[in-house]
Amino acid sequence: MTEDEKKRKKIEYINKWNAENCKKVTIKMYKADYEIFNKYVTENGLSKNGYIISLIKKDLQEKGLMKSDNN
């Protein structure tokens, strides 16, 4: 199997997993807030989705609605 075929198979697997296990959502925020958020994640080399997910997880864990990753 060539490298291109391996990459294609991996992408197909990831897309299938995402389709089965993830839900797309839209988050609305004011433009001024988005500009601040975008600048922060860009300057710190963060993923926008990853950062939002980590903030949501942290908040839910603090409220006891989601188990901590460490437990």
PDB file of N, CA and C in Angstrom:
ATOM      1  N   MET A   1       0.847  -1.173   0.000  1.00  0.00           N
ATOM      2  CA  MET A   1       0.000   0.000   0.000  1.00  0.00           C
ATOM      3  C   MET A   1       0.896   1.241   0.000  1.00  0.00           C
ATOM      4  N   THR A   2       0.624   2.157  -0.905  1.00  0.00           N
ATOM      5  CA  THR A   2       1.452   3.361  -1.013  1.00  0.00           C
ATOM      6  C   THR A   2       1.102   4.348   0.100  1.00  0.00           C
ATOM      7  N   GLU A   3       1.946   5.347   0.249  1.00  0.00           N
ATOM      8  CA  GLU A   3       1.715   6.381   1.269  1.00  0.00           C
ATOM      9  C   GLU A   3       0.418   7.148   1.011  1.00  0.00           C
ATOM     10  N   ASP A   4       0.135   7.428  -0.264  1.00  0.00           N
ATOM     11  CA  ASP A   4      -1.106   8.139  -0.609  1.00  0.00           C
ATOM     12  C   ASP A   4      -2.340   7.321  -0.223  1.00  0.00           C
ATOM     13  N   GLU A   5      -2.268   6.007  -0.462  1.00  0.00           N
ATOM     14  CA  GLU A   5      -3.388   5.137  -0.095  1.00  0.00           C
ATOM     15  C   GLU A   5      -3.566   5.093   1.417  1.00  0.00           C
ATOM     16  N   LYS A   6      -2.445   5.054   2.157  1.00  0.00           N
ATOM     17  CA  LYS A   6      -2.507   5.046   3.619  1.00  0.00           C
ATOM     18  C   LYS A   6      -3.137   6.342   4.135  1.00  0.00           C
ATOM     19  N   LYS A   7      -2.731   7.465   3.563  1.00  0.00           N
ATOM     20  CA  LYS A   7      -3.294   8.756   3.973  1.00  0.00           C
ATOM     21  C   LYS A   7      -4.783   8.818   3.675  1.00  0.00           C
ATOM     22  N   ARG A   8      -5.175   8.331   2.507  1.00  0.00           N
ATOM     23  CA  ARG A   8      -6.580   8.336   2.117  1.00  0.00           C
ATOM     24  C   ARG A   8      -7.402   7.464   3.056  1.00  0.00           C
ATOM     25  N   LYS A   9      -6.886   6.276   3.386  1.00  0.00           N
ATOM     26  CA  LYS A   9      -7.574   5.372   4.309  1.00  0.00           C
ATOM     27  C   LYS A   9      -7.720   6.014   5.687  1.00  0.00           C
ATOM     28  N   LYS A  10      -6.664   6.683   6.142  1.00  0.00           N
ATOM     29  CA  LYS A  10      -6.713   7.330   7.457  1.00  0.00           C
ATOM     30  C   LYS A  10      -7.758   8.448   7.458  1.00  0.00           C
ATOM     31  N   ILE A  11      -7.788   9.245   6.405  1.00  0.00           N
ATOM     32  CA  ILE A  11      -8.770  10.330   6.294  1.00  0.00           C
ATOM     33  C   ILE A  11     -10.185   9.757   6.265  1.00  0.00           C
ATOM     34  N   GLU A  12     -10.387   8.678   5.516  1.00  0.00           N
ATOM     35  CA  GLU A  12     -11.701   8.034   5.462  1.00  0.00           C
ATOM     36  C   GLU A  12     -12.119   7.536   6.840  1.00  0.00           C
ATOM     37  N   TYR A  13     -11.163   6.933   7.575  1.00  0.00           N
ATOM     38  CA  TYR A  13     -11.455   6.429   8.920  1.00  0.00           C
ATOM     39  C   TYR A  13     -11.838   7.576   9.849  1.00  0.00           C
ATOM     40  N   ILE A  14     -11.076   8.644   9.813  1.00  0.00           N
ATOM     41  CA  ILE A  14     -11.350   9.801  10.671  1.00  0.00           C
ATOM     42  C   ILE A  14     -12.709  10.403  10.339  1.00  0.00           C
ATOM     43  N   ASN A  15     -13.008  10.563   9.052  1.00  0.00           N
ATOM     44  CA  ASN A  15     -14.305  11.114   8.647  1.00  0.00           C
ATOM     45  C   ASN A  15     -15.456  10.222   9.094  1.00  0.00           C
ATOM     46  N   LYS A  16     -15.290   8.902   8.984  1.00  0.00           N
ATOM     47  CA  LYS A  16     -16.331   7.971   9.419  1.00  0.00           C
ATOM     48  C   LYS A  16     -16.517   8.058  10.926  1.00  0.00           C
ATOM     49  N   TRP A  17     -15.410   8.081  11.678  1.00  0.00           N
ATOM     50  CA  TRP A  17     -15.485   8.177  13.135  1.00  0.00           C
ATOM     51  C   TRP A  17     -16.173   9.472  13.539  1.00  0.00           C
ATOM     52  N   ASN A  18     -15.800  10.592  12.918  1.00  0.00           N
ATOM     53  CA  ASN A  18     -16.411  11.878  13.229  1.00  0.00           C
ATOM     54  C   ASN A  18     -17.908  11.858  12.943  1.00  0.00           C
ATOM     55  N   ALA A  19     -18.302  11.261  11.833  1.00  0.00           N
ATOM     56  CA  ALA A  19     -19.718  11.208  11.464  1.00  0.00           C
ATOM     57  C   ALA A  19     -20.526  10.417  12.489  1.00  0.00           C
ATOM     58  N   GLU A  20     -19.920   9.378  13.053  1.00  0.00           N
ATOM     59  CA  GLU A  20     -20.621   8.538  14.017  1.00  0.00           C
ATOM     60  C   GLU A  20     -20.583   9.094  15.435  1.00  0.00           C
ATOM     61  N   ASN A  21     -19.533   9.844  15.784  1.00  0.00           N
ATOM     62  CA  ASN A  21     -19.316  10.213  17.178  1.00  0.00           C
ATOM     63  C   ASN A  21     -19.327  11.710  17.478  1.00  0.00           C
ATOM     64  N   CYS A  22     -19.425  12.534  16.472  1.00  0.00           N
ATOM     65  CA  CYS A  22     -19.370  13.980  16.692  1.00  0.00           C
ATOM     66  C   CYS A  22     -20.634  14.644  16.173  1.00  0.00           C
ATOM     67  N   LYS A  23     -20.934  15.770  16.743  1.00  0.00           N
ATOM     68  CA  LYS A  23     -22.074  16.562  16.299  1.00  0.00           C
ATOM     69  C   LYS A  23     -21.576  17.962  15.997  1.00  0.00           C
ATOM     70  N   LYS A  24     -21.955  18.461  14.818  1.00  0.00           N
ATOM     71  CA  LYS A  24     -21.561  19.813  14.445  1.00  0.00           C
ATOM     72  C   LYS A  24     -22.455  20.802  15.164  1.00  0.00           C
ATOM     73  N   VAL A  25     -21.844  21.848  15.683  1.00  0.00           N
ATOM     74  CA  VAL A  25     -22.597  22.905  16.349  1.00  0.00           C
ATOM     75  C   VAL A  25     -22.093  24.248  15.849  1.00  0.00           C
ATOM     76  N   THR A  26     -22.928  25.240  16.010  1.00  0.00           N
ATOM     77  CA  THR A  26     -22.552  26.597  15.646  1.00  0.00           C
ATOM     78  C   THR A  26     -22.625  27.446  16.899  1.00  0.00           C
ATOM     79  N   ILE A  27     -21.597  28.211  17.127  1.00  0.00           N
ATOM     80  CA  ILE A  27     -21.565  29.112  18.268  1.00  0.00           C
ATOM     81  C   ILE A  27     -21.580  30.532  17.733  1.00  0.00           C
ATOM     82  N   LYS A  28     -22.535  31.300  18.209  1.00  0.00           N
ATOM     83  CA  LYS A  28     -22.623  32.689  17.771  1.00  0.00           C
ATOM     84  C   LYS A  28     -22.056  33.582  18.864  1.00  0.00           C
ATOM     85  N   MET A  29     -21.305  34.596  18.435  1.00  0.00           N
ATOM     86  CA  MET A  29     -20.790  35.591  19.374  1.00  0.00           C
ATOM     87  C   MET A  29     -20.670  36.918  18.650  1.00  0.00           C
ATOM     88  N   TYR A  30     -20.629  37.966  19.433  1.00  0.00           N
ATOM     89  CA  TYR A  30     -20.493  39.296  18.842  1.00  0.00           C
ATOM     90  C   TYR A  30     -19.175  39.396  18.089  1.00  0.00           C
ATOM     91  N   LYS A  31     -19.164  40.204  17.029  1.00  0.00           N
ATOM     92  CA  LYS A  31     -17.966  40.345  16.192  1.00  0.00           C
ATOM     93  C   LYS A  31     -16.765  40.803  17.006  1.00  0.00           C
ATOM     94  N   ALA A  32     -16.972  41.769  17.891  1.00  0.00           N
ATOM     95  CA  ALA A  32     -15.860  42.279  18.709  1.00  0.00           C
ATOM     96  C   ALA A  32     -15.288  41.173  19.591  1.00  0.00           C
ATOM     97  N   ASP A  33     -16.171  40.348  20.182  1.00  0.00           N
ATOM     98  CA  ASP A  33     -15.710  39.234  21.006  1.00  0.00           C
ATOM     99  C   ASP A  33     -14.959  38.205  20.159  1.00  0.00           C
ATOM    100  N   TYR A  34     -15.472  37.933  18.950  1.00  0.00           N
ATOM    101  CA  TYR A  34     -14.820  36.974  18.065  1.00  0.00           C
ATOM    102  C   TYR A  34     -13.430  37.459  17.670  1.00  0.00           C
ATOM    103  N   GLU A  35     -13.288  38.746  17.399  1.00  0.00           N
ATOM    104  CA  GLU A  35     -11.977  39.279  17.025  1.00  0.00           C
ATOM    105  C   GLU A  35     -10.970  39.088  18.146  1.00  0.00           C
ATOM    106  N   ILE A  36     -11.400  39.308  19.386  1.00  0.00           N
ATOM    107  CA  ILE A  36     -10.517  39.096  20.539  1.00  0.00           C
ATOM    108  C   ILE A  36     -10.169  37.610  20.658  1.00  0.00           C
ATOM    109  N   PHE A  37     -11.190  36.753  20.555  1.00  0.00           N
ATOM    110  CA  PHE A  37     -10.995  35.305  20.631  1.00  0.00           C
ATOM    111  C   PHE A  37     -10.058  34.819  19.531  1.00  0.00           C
ATOM    112  N   ASN A  38     -10.311  35.256  18.298  1.00  0.00           N
ATOM    113  CA  ASN A  38      -9.500  34.837  17.158  1.00  0.00           C
ATOM    114  C   ASN A  38      -8.046  35.272  17.327  1.00  0.00           C
ATOM    115  N   LYS A  39      -7.838  36.497  17.790  1.00  0.00           N
ATOM    116  CA  LYS A  39      -6.484  37.001  18.012  1.00  0.00           C
ATOM    117  C   LYS A  39      -5.771  36.162  19.072  1.00  0.00           C
ATOM    118  N   TYR A  40      -6.477  35.831  20.151  1.00  0.00           N
ATOM    119  CA  TYR A  40      -5.882  35.043  21.235  1.00  0.00           C
ATOM    120  C   TYR A  40      -5.454  33.660  20.755  1.00  0.00           C
ATOM    121  N   VAL A  41      -6.354  32.940  20.073  1.00  0.00           N
ATOM    122  CA  VAL A  41      -6.001  31.585  19.646  1.00  0.00           C
ATOM    123  C   VAL A  41      -4.913  31.607  18.579  1.00  0.00           C
ATOM    124  N   THR A  42      -4.930  32.606  17.707  1.00  0.00           N
ATOM    125  CA  THR A  42      -3.913  32.711  16.664  1.00  0.00           C
ATOM    126  C   THR A  42      -2.541  32.987  17.267  1.00  0.00           C
ATOM    127  N   GLU A  43      -2.482  33.935  18.196  1.00  0.00           N
ATOM    128  CA  GLU A  43      -1.200  34.298  18.812  1.00  0.00           C
ATOM    129  C   GLU A  43      -0.627  33.162  19.649  1.00  0.00           C
ATOM    130  N   ASN A  44      -1.502  32.319  20.202  1.00  0.00           N
ATOM    131  CA  ASN A  44      -1.043  31.232  21.061  1.00  0.00           C
ATOM    132  C   ASN A  44      -0.975  29.888  20.347  1.00  0.00           C
ATOM    133  N   GLY A  45      -1.231  29.888  19.038  1.00  0.00           N
ATOM    134  CA  GLY A  45      -1.113  28.665  18.246  1.00  0.00           C
ATOM    135  C   GLY A  45      -2.115  27.594  18.642  1.00  0.00           C
ATOM    136  N   LEU A  46      -3.305  27.987  19.054  1.00  0.00           N
ATOM    137  CA  LEU A  46      -4.317  27.043  19.494  1.00  0.00           C
ATOM    138  C   LEU A  46      -5.317  26.760  18.380  1.00  0.00           C
ATOM    139  N   SER A  47      -5.973  25.635  18.490  1.00  0.00           N
ATOM    140  CA  SER A  47      -7.081  25.298  17.591  1.00  0.00           C
ATOM    141  C   SER A  47      -8.340  25.957  18.153  1.00  0.00           C
ATOM    142  N   LYS A  48      -9.101  26.631  17.300  1.00  0.00           N
ATOM    143  CA  LYS A  48     -10.329  27.286  17.774  1.00  0.00           C
ATOM    144  C   LYS A  48     -11.287  26.263  18.372  1.00  0.00           C
ATOM    145  N   ASN A  49     -11.545  25.190  17.642  1.00  0.00           N
ATOM    146  CA  ASN A  49     -12.455  24.161  18.144  1.00  0.00           C
ATOM    147  C   ASN A  49     -11.925  23.526  19.422  1.00  0.00           C
ATOM    148  N   GLY A  50     -10.649  23.189  19.416  1.00  0.00           N
ATOM    149  CA  GLY A  50     -10.048  22.557  20.592  1.00  0.00           C
ATOM    150  C   GLY A  50     -10.114  23.433  21.816  1.00  0.00           C
ATOM    151  N   TYR A  51      -9.884  24.728  21.645  1.00  0.00           N
ATOM    152  CA  TYR A  51      -9.920  25.664  22.765  1.00  0.00           C
ATOM    153  C   TYR A  51     -11.339  25.797  23.308  1.00  0.00           C
ATOM    154  N   ILE A  52     -12.315  25.926  22.423  1.00  0.00           N
ATOM    155  CA  ILE A  52     -13.711  26.037  22.852  1.00  0.00           C
ATOM    156  C   ILE A  52     -14.133  24.770  23.591  1.00  0.00           C
ATOM    157  N   ILE A  53     -13.794  23.615  23.042  1.00  0.00           N
ATOM    158  CA  ILE A  53     -14.152  22.345  23.679  1.00  0.00           C
ATOM    159  C   ILE A  53     -13.516  22.238  25.059  1.00  0.00           C
ATOM    160  N   SER A  54     -12.240  22.633  25.184  1.00  0.00           N
ATOM    161  CA  SER A  54     -11.575  22.541  26.487  1.00  0.00           C
ATOM    162  C   SER A  54     -12.225  23.479  27.502  1.00  0.00           C
ATOM    163  N   LEU A  55     -12.650  24.667  27.078  1.00  0.00           N
ATOM    164  CA  LEU A  55     -13.337  25.590  27.991  1.00  0.00           C
ATOM    165  C   LEU A  55     -14.677  25.019  28.446  1.00  0.00           C
ATOM    166  N   ILE A  56     -15.417  24.429  27.526  1.00  0.00           N
ATOM    167  CA  ILE A  56     -16.719  23.844  27.868  1.00  0.00           C
ATOM    168  C   ILE A  56     -16.526  22.667  28.821  1.00  0.00           C
ATOM    169  N   LYS A  57     -15.560  21.785  28.523  1.00  0.00           N
ATOM    170  CA  LYS A  57     -15.294  20.641  29.390  1.00  0.00           C
ATOM    171  C   LYS A  57     -14.913  21.096  30.790  1.00  0.00           C
ATOM    172  N   LYS A  58     -14.029  22.087  30.871  1.00  0.00           N
ATOM    173  CA  LYS A  58     -13.583  22.590  32.169  1.00  0.00           C
ATOM    174  C   LYS A  58     -14.766  23.112  32.970  1.00  0.00           C
ATOM    175  N   ASP A  59     -15.647  23.875  32.336  1.00  0.00           N
ATOM    176  CA  ASP A  59     -16.806  24.432  33.017  1.00  0.00           C
ATOM    177  C   ASP A  59     -17.738  23.317  33.499  1.00  0.00           C
ATOM    178  N   LEU A  60     -18.010  22.336  32.651  1.00  0.00           N
ATOM    179  CA  LEU A  60     -18.896  21.234  33.038  1.00  0.00           C
ATOM    180  C   LEU A  60     -18.292  20.393  34.159  1.00  0.00           C
ATOM    181  N   GLN A  61     -16.967  20.200  34.131  1.00  0.00           N
ATOM    182  CA  GLN A  61     -16.308  19.442  35.185  1.00  0.00           C
ATOM    183  C   GLN A  61     -16.370  20.187  36.513  1.00  0.00           C
ATOM    184  N   GLU A  62     -16.179  21.509  36.482  1.00  0.00           N
ATOM    185  CA  GLU A  62     -16.249  22.306  37.703  1.00  0.00           C
ATOM    186  C   GLU A  62     -17.645  22.267  38.312  1.00  0.00           C
ATOM    187  N   LYS A  63     -18.663  22.158  37.465  1.00  0.00           N
ATOM    188  CA  LYS A  63     -20.052  22.101  37.942  1.00  0.00           C
ATOM    189  C   LYS A  63     -20.480  20.679  38.293  1.00  0.00           C
ATOM    190  N   GLY A  64     -19.601  19.711  38.074  1.00  0.00           N
ATOM    191  CA  GLY A  64     -19.892  18.326  38.401  1.00  0.00           C
ATOM    192  C   GLY A  64     -20.795  17.626  37.398  1.00  0.00           C
ATOM    193  N   LEU A  65     -20.948  18.196  36.224  1.00  0.00           N
ATOM    194  CA  LEU A  65     -21.817  17.608  35.204  1.00  0.00           C
ATOM    195  C   LEU A  65     -21.077  16.649  34.284  1.00  0.00           C
ATOM    196  N   MET A  66     -19.743  16.688  34.343  1.00  0.00           N
ATOM    197  CA  MET A  66     -18.928  15.798  33.502  1.00  0.00           C
ATOM    198  C   MET A  66     -17.753  15.337  34.338  1.00  0.00           C
ATOM    199  N   LYS A  67     -17.412  14.050  34.204  1.00  0.00           N
ATOM    200  CA  LYS A  67     -16.277  13.526  34.940  1.00  0.00           C
ATOM    201  C   LYS A  67     -14.985  14.141  34.407  1.00  0.00           C
ATOM    202  N   SER A  68     -14.039  14.336  35.301  1.00  0.00           N
ATOM    203  CA  SER A  68     -12.728  14.846  34.926  1.00  0.00           C
ATOM    204  C   SER A  68     -11.988  13.795  34.117  1.00  0.00           C
ATOM    205  N   ASP A  69     -11.139  14.243  33.197  1.00  0.00           N
ATOM    206  CA  ASP A  69     -10.331  13.322  32.409  1.00  0.00           C
ATOM    207  C   ASP A  69      -9.372  12.526  33.291  1.00  0.00           C
ATOM    208  N   ASN A  70      -9.033  13.073  34.461  1.00  0.00           N
ATOM    209  CA  ASN A  70      -8.076  12.442  35.354  1.00  0.00           C
ATOM    210  C   ASN A  70      -8.715  11.365  36.233  1.00  0.00           C
ATOM    211  N   ASN A  71     -10.047  11.330  36.312  1.00  0.00           N
ATOM    212  CA  ASN A  71     -10.731  10.358  37.174  1.00  0.00           C
ATOM    213  C   ASN A  71     -11.045   9.092  36.444  1.00  0.00           C
TER     214      ASN A  71
END
